[in-house]
Amino acid sequence: MATDLDRVLTGLAEPTRRRIVEHLRRGPRRAGELAEACGMSMPAMSRHLRVLRRCGLVEGGGLDHDARVRLYSLRPEPLAELRAWLEHVEAFWTGQLAAFKAHAERKRKRRA
């Protein structure tokens, strides 16, 4: 899982790609729509979409009535893996903070 998670984090590390993910969160889009929304050229958008596809965050598929048109959409699985990892990390820190709070309260009661 670490390798998949590393790819997802690498894909999301760049602000433009996070913006693309935000646009795709609202639904599938054509590359041209994404390029226009992000204010960039088609070659630049193609490079970002290639990275997002390689890390598994995005998939592209043709339309039934026109195979030349490709719609890009988010894949939920990598985001679910990221969410699970973040919940695991959050649980660790929640436990650490609870233990620190208990320790601080015990010390305060001893002084009182």
N, C-alpha and C. Protein backbone atom coordinates (compact mmCIF):
# COMPACT_ATOMS: atom_id res chain seq x y z
N MET A 1 0.82 -1.20 0.00
CA MET A 1 0.00 0.00 0.00
C MET A 1 0.86 1.26 0.00
N ALA A 2 2.01 1.20 0.64
CA ALA A 2 2.85 2.40 0.72
C ALA A 2 3.22 2.92 -0.66
N THR A 3 3.50 2.03 -1.59
CA THR A 3 3.87 2.45 -2.93
C THR A 3 2.71 3.17 -3.61
N ASP A 4 1.49 2.64 -3.49
CA ASP A 4 0.32 3.30 -4.06
C ASP A 4 0.10 4.65 -3.40
N LEU A 5 0.22 4.69 -2.09
CA LEU A 5 0.05 5.94 -1.36
C LEU A 5 1.11 6.96 -1.77
N ASP A 6 2.34 6.50 -1.96
CA ASP A 6 3.40 7.40 -2.41
C ASP A 6 3.05 8.03 -3.76
N ARG A 7 2.52 7.22 -4.66
CA ARG A 7 2.12 7.73 -5.98
C ARG A 7 1.01 8.76 -5.86
N VAL A 8 0.03 8.48 -5.02
CA VAL A 8 -1.09 9.42 -4.84
C VAL A 8 -0.58 10.74 -4.26
N LEU A 9 0.27 10.66 -3.25
CA LEU A 9 0.80 11.89 -2.65
C LEU A 9 1.67 12.66 -3.64
N THR A 10 2.42 11.95 -4.46
CA THR A 10 3.22 12.61 -5.49
C THR A 10 2.32 13.32 -6.48
N GLY A 11 1.24 12.65 -6.88
CA GLY A 11 0.30 13.27 -7.81
C GLY A 11 -0.35 14.51 -7.24
N LEU A 12 -0.64 14.50 -5.96
CA LEU A 12 -1.32 15.63 -5.32
C LEU A 12 -0.35 16.71 -4.82
N ALA A 13 0.94 16.46 -4.93
CA ALA A 13 1.93 17.41 -4.40
C ALA A 13 1.96 18.71 -5.17
N GLU A 14 1.54 18.70 -6.40
CA GLU A 14 1.62 19.89 -7.26
C GLU A 14 0.28 20.63 -7.21
N PRO A 15 0.28 21.93 -6.93
CA PRO A 15 -0.98 22.70 -6.79
C PRO A 15 -1.90 22.63 -8.00
N THR A 16 -1.34 22.63 -9.20
CA THR A 16 -2.18 22.58 -10.40
C THR A 16 -2.94 21.26 -10.45
N ARG A 17 -2.29 20.18 -10.08
CA ARG A 17 -2.96 18.88 -10.11
C ARG A 17 -4.05 18.81 -9.04
N ARG A 18 -3.83 19.44 -7.90
CA ARG A 18 -4.89 19.49 -6.89
C ARG A 18 -6.08 20.29 -7.42
N ARG A 19 -5.80 21.34 -8.18
CA ARG A 19 -6.88 22.14 -8.79
C ARG A 19 -7.66 21.29 -9.80
N ILE A 20 -6.96 20.49 -10.58
CA ILE A 20 -7.60 19.59 -11.54
C ILE A 20 -8.51 18.61 -10.80
N VAL A 21 -8.00 18.04 -9.71
CA VAL A 21 -8.80 17.11 -8.91
C VAL A 21 -10.05 17.82 -8.39
N GLU A 22 -9.91 19.06 -7.96
CA GLU A 22 -11.08 19.83 -7.49
C GLU A 22 -12.12 19.98 -8.60
N HIS A 23 -11.68 20.28 -9.81
CA HIS A 23 -12.61 20.40 -10.93
C HIS A 23 -13.28 19.05 -11.23
N LEU A 24 -12.51 17.99 -11.19
CA LEU A 24 -13.06 16.66 -11.48
C LEU A 24 -13.96 16.16 -10.36
N ARG A 25 -13.81 16.70 -9.18
CA ARG A 25 -14.68 16.34 -8.06
C ARG A 25 -16.13 16.68 -8.38
N ARG A 26 -16.32 17.68 -9.21
CA ARG A 26 -17.67 18.12 -9.60
C ARG A 26 -18.25 17.27 -10.72
N GLY A 27 -17.43 16.43 -11.33
CA GLY A 27 -17.90 15.54 -12.40
C GLY A 27 -16.88 15.42 -13.51
N PRO A 28 -17.07 14.46 -14.40
CA PRO A 28 -16.13 14.25 -15.52
C PRO A 28 -16.02 15.50 -16.40
N ARG A 29 -14.81 15.72 -16.91
CA ARG A 29 -14.54 16.88 -17.77
C ARG A 29 -13.63 16.47 -18.91
N ARG A 30 -13.73 17.20 -19.99
CA ARG A 30 -12.80 17.05 -21.11
C ARG A 30 -11.50 17.78 -20.77
N ALA A 31 -10.43 17.35 -21.39
CA ALA A 31 -9.13 17.99 -21.15
C ALA A 31 -9.19 19.47 -21.50
N GLY A 32 -9.86 19.81 -22.58
CA GLY A 32 -9.97 21.22 -22.97
C GLY A 32 -10.69 22.06 -21.94
N GLU A 33 -11.73 21.50 -21.34
CA GLU A 33 -12.46 22.21 -20.28
C GLU A 33 -11.55 22.44 -19.07
N LEU A 34 -10.78 21.41 -18.73
CA LEU A 34 -9.86 21.53 -17.59
C LEU A 34 -8.77 22.56 -17.87
N ALA A 35 -8.23 22.54 -19.08
CA ALA A 35 -7.18 23.50 -19.44
C ALA A 35 -7.72 24.92 -19.35
N GLU A 36 -8.92 25.13 -19.86
CA GLU A 36 -9.51 26.47 -19.81
C GLU A 36 -9.78 26.90 -18.37
N ALA A 37 -10.33 25.99 -17.57
CA ALA A 37 -10.63 26.31 -16.17
C ALA A 37 -9.37 26.63 -15.37
N CYS A 38 -8.26 25.99 -15.73
CA CYS A 38 -7.01 26.21 -15.00
C CYS A 38 -6.13 27.27 -15.66
N GLY A 39 -6.57 27.79 -16.81
CA GLY A 39 -5.80 28.83 -17.49
C GLY A 39 -4.46 28.35 -18.00
N MET A 40 -4.45 27.18 -18.64
CA MET A 40 -3.18 26.65 -19.14
C MET A 40 -3.36 26.08 -20.55
N SER A 41 -2.25 25.83 -21.18
CA SER A 41 -2.27 25.28 -22.54
C SER A 41 -2.65 23.80 -22.51
N MET A 42 -3.09 23.30 -23.65
CA MET A 42 -3.43 21.88 -23.75
C MET A 42 -2.22 20.97 -23.51
N PRO A 43 -1.03 21.30 -24.06
CA PRO A 43 0.12 20.43 -23.76
C PRO A 43 0.44 20.36 -22.27
N ALA A 44 0.34 21.49 -21.57
CA ALA A 44 0.59 21.48 -20.13
C ALA A 44 -0.47 20.65 -19.41
N MET A 45 -1.73 20.80 -19.82
CA MET A 45 -2.80 20.02 -19.19
C MET A 45 -2.59 18.53 -19.45
N SER A 46 -2.18 18.19 -20.66
CA SER A 46 -1.93 16.78 -20.99
C SER A 46 -0.86 16.19 -20.09
N ARG A 47 0.19 16.95 -19.81
CA ARG A 47 1.25 16.45 -18.92
C ARG A 47 0.70 16.20 -17.52
N HIS A 48 -0.10 17.14 -17.01
CA HIS A 48 -0.67 16.97 -15.66
C HIS A 48 -1.63 15.78 -15.62
N LEU A 49 -2.45 15.63 -16.64
CA LEU A 49 -3.39 14.50 -16.69
C LEU A 49 -2.64 13.17 -16.78
N ARG A 50 -1.53 13.16 -17.50
CA ARG A 50 -0.72 11.94 -17.59
C ARG A 50 -0.20 11.54 -16.21
N VAL A 51 0.28 12.51 -15.44
CA VAL A 51 0.76 12.22 -14.08
C VAL A 51 -0.38 11.70 -13.22
N LEU A 52 -1.54 12.35 -13.30
CA LEU A 52 -2.69 11.92 -12.49
C LEU A 52 -3.17 10.53 -12.89
N ARG A 53 -3.09 10.20 -14.18
CA ARG A 53 -3.47 8.84 -14.62
C ARG A 53 -2.46 7.82 -14.11
N ARG A 54 -1.18 8.13 -14.21
CA ARG A 54 -0.14 7.19 -13.76
C ARG A 54 -0.22 6.90 -12.27
N CYS A 55 -0.60 7.90 -11.48
CA CYS A 55 -0.70 7.65 -10.04
C CYS A 55 -2.05 7.07 -9.66
N GLY A 56 -2.94 6.90 -10.64
CA GLY A 56 -4.20 6.22 -10.41
C GLY A 56 -5.35 7.08 -9.94
N LEU A 57 -5.13 8.38 -9.84
CA LEU A 57 -6.19 9.27 -9.35
C LEU A 57 -7.26 9.55 -10.40
N VAL A 58 -6.88 9.51 -11.67
CA VAL A 58 -7.78 9.91 -12.76
C VAL A 58 -7.81 8.81 -13.81
N GLU A 59 -8.97 8.66 -14.43
CA GLU A 59 -9.07 7.77 -15.58
C GLU A 59 -9.74 8.53 -16.71
N GLY A 60 -9.37 8.17 -17.91
CA GLY A 60 -9.95 8.81 -19.08
C GLY A 60 -10.61 7.78 -19.97
N GLY A 61 -11.79 8.13 -20.44
CA GLY A 61 -12.50 7.21 -21.31
C GLY A 61 -13.18 7.96 -22.43
N GLY A 62 -13.35 7.29 -23.55
CA GLY A 62 -14.01 7.89 -24.69
C GLY A 62 -15.52 7.89 -24.53
N LEU A 63 -16.15 8.77 -25.26
CA LEU A 63 -17.62 8.82 -25.27
C LEU A 63 -18.14 7.77 -26.25
N ASP A 64 -19.29 7.24 -25.96
CA ASP A 64 -19.88 6.22 -26.84
C ASP A 64 -20.11 6.75 -28.25
N HIS A 65 -20.55 7.98 -28.35
CA HIS A 65 -20.90 8.52 -29.67
C HIS A 65 -19.71 9.17 -30.38
N ASP A 66 -18.58 9.39 -29.68
CA ASP A 66 -17.42 10.00 -30.32
C ASP A 66 -16.15 9.54 -29.58
N ALA A 67 -15.49 8.55 -30.12
CA ALA A 67 -14.30 7.98 -29.46
C ALA A 67 -13.13 8.94 -29.43
N ARG A 68 -13.18 10.02 -30.24
CA ARG A 68 -12.08 10.98 -30.23
C ARG A 68 -12.10 11.86 -28.98
N VAL A 69 -13.25 11.97 -28.35
CA VAL A 69 -13.41 12.81 -27.16
C VAL A 69 -13.18 11.94 -25.93
N ARG A 70 -12.31 12.40 -25.07
CA ARG A 70 -11.99 11.66 -23.85
C ARG A 70 -12.45 12.48 -22.65
N LEU A 71 -13.24 11.85 -21.79
CA LEU A 71 -13.66 12.47 -20.54
C LEU A 71 -12.79 11.94 -19.42
N TYR A 72 -12.34 12.83 -18.57
CA TYR A 72 -11.53 12.45 -17.42
C TYR A 72 -12.39 12.50 -16.17
N SER A 73 -12.19 11.52 -15.31
CA SER A 73 -12.94 11.48 -14.06
C SER A 73 -12.03 10.94 -12.95
N LEU A 74 -12.43 11.22 -11.72
CA LEU A 74 -11.67 10.76 -10.56
C LEU A 74 -11.95 9.28 -10.31
N ARG A 75 -10.94 8.60 -9.84
CA ARG A 75 -11.10 7.22 -9.37
C ARG A 75 -11.18 7.27 -7.85
N PRO A 76 -12.19 6.70 -7.25
CA PRO A 76 -12.37 6.81 -5.80
C PRO A 76 -11.40 5.98 -4.97
N GLU A 77 -10.88 4.89 -5.50
CA GLU A 77 -10.06 3.98 -4.70
C GLU A 77 -8.80 4.64 -4.12
N PRO A 78 -8.00 5.35 -4.91
CA PRO A 78 -6.80 5.96 -4.33
C PRO A 78 -7.13 6.99 -3.24
N LEU A 79 -8.23 7.70 -3.42
CA LEU A 79 -8.62 8.69 -2.41
C LEU A 79 -9.09 8.00 -1.14
N ALA A 80 -9.74 6.84 -1.27
CA ALA A 80 -10.16 6.07 -0.10
C ALA A 80 -8.94 5.56 0.66
N GLU A 81 -7.91 5.11 -0.07
CA GLU A 81 -6.68 4.66 0.58
C GLU A 81 -6.00 5.81 1.32
N LEU A 82 -5.98 6.98 0.70
CA LEU A 82 -5.40 8.16 1.34
C LEU A 82 -6.18 8.51 2.60
N ARG A 83 -7.50 8.49 2.50
CA ARG A 83 -8.35 8.81 3.66
C ARG A 83 -8.09 7.82 4.79
N ALA A 84 -7.98 6.53 4.49
CA ALA A 84 -7.71 5.51 5.51
C ALA A 84 -6.37 5.76 6.19
N TRP A 85 -5.38 6.11 5.41
CA TRP A 85 -4.06 6.40 5.99
C TRP A 85 -4.12 7.63 6.91
N LEU A 86 -4.81 8.68 6.44
CA LEU A 86 -4.94 9.89 7.25
C LEU A 86 -5.70 9.62 8.55
N GLU A 87 -6.72 8.78 8.49
CA GLU A 87 -7.46 8.42 9.70
C GLU A 87 -6.57 7.67 10.67
N HIS A 88 -5.72 6.81 10.16
CA HIS A 88 -4.78 6.07 11.00
C HIS A 88 -3.81 7.02 11.70
N VAL A 89 -3.28 7.97 10.95
CA VAL A 89 -2.35 8.96 11.52
C VAL A 89 -3.08 9.83 12.54
N GLU A 90 -4.29 10.24 12.20
CA GLU A 90 -5.06 11.07 13.12
C GLU A 90 -5.36 10.33 14.42
N ALA A 91 -5.68 9.04 14.33
CA ALA A 91 -5.95 8.25 15.53
C ALA A 91 -4.71 8.19 16.42
N PHE A 92 -3.55 8.04 15.82
CA PHE A 92 -2.31 8.03 16.60
C PHE A 92 -2.15 9.34 17.38
N TRP A 93 -2.30 10.47 16.69
CA TRP A 93 -2.10 11.76 17.35
C TRP A 93 -3.20 12.06 18.35
N THR A 94 -4.40 11.60 18.10
CA THR A 94 -5.48 11.78 19.06
C THR A 94 -5.14 11.03 20.35
N GLY A 95 -4.63 9.82 20.21
CA GLY A 95 -4.20 9.05 21.37
C GLY A 95 -3.06 9.72 22.12
N GLN A 96 -2.10 10.23 21.38
CA GLN A 96 -0.97 10.92 22.01
C GLN A 96 -1.42 12.15 22.78
N LEU A 97 -2.30 12.93 22.17
CA LEU A 97 -2.80 14.14 22.83
C LEU A 97 -3.65 13.81 24.05
N ALA A 98 -4.43 12.75 23.99
CA ALA A 98 -5.23 12.33 25.14
C ALA A 98 -4.31 11.90 26.29
N ALA A 99 -3.25 11.17 25.97
CA ALA A 99 -2.30 10.75 27.00
C ALA A 99 -1.60 11.95 27.62
N PHE A 100 -1.23 12.92 26.80
CA PHE A 100 -0.59 14.13 27.32
C PHE A 100 -1.55 14.90 28.22
N LYS A 101 -2.81 15.01 27.81
CA LYS A 101 -3.81 15.71 28.62
C LYS A 101 -3.98 15.03 29.97
N ALA A 102 -4.07 13.70 29.97
CA ALA A 102 -4.22 12.95 31.22
C ALA A 102 -3.01 13.18 32.12
N HIS A 103 -1.83 13.16 31.54
CA HIS A 103 -0.60 13.39 32.29
C HIS A 103 -0.59 14.80 32.90
N ALA A 104 -0.95 15.80 32.11
CA ALA A 104 -0.97 17.18 32.61
C ALA A 104 -2.00 17.35 33.72
N GLU A 105 -3.13 16.71 33.58
CA GLU A 105 -4.16 16.82 34.62
C GLU A 105 -3.73 16.14 35.91
N ARG A 106 -3.04 14.99 35.80
CA ARG A 106 -2.53 14.32 37.00
C ARG A 106 -1.52 15.21 37.72
N LYS A 107 -0.63 15.84 36.98
CA LYS A 107 0.38 16.72 37.58
C LYS A 107 -0.29 17.92 38.25
N ARG A 108 -1.31 18.46 37.61
CA ARG A 108 -2.01 19.61 38.18
C ARG A 108 -2.72 19.23 39.49
N LYS A 109 -3.31 18.03 39.54
CA LYS A 109 -4.00 17.58 40.76
C LYS A 109 -3.00 17.37 41.89
N ARG A 110 -1.81 16.88 41.57
CA ARG A 110 -0.78 16.67 42.60
C ARG A 110 -0.32 17.98 43.22
N ARG A 111 -0.25 19.02 42.41
CA ARG A 111 0.20 20.32 42.90
C ARG A 111 -0.87 21.02 43.73
N ALA A 112 -2.11 20.69 43.47
CA ALA A 112 -3.22 21.37 44.17
C ALA A 112 -3.44 20.87 45.57
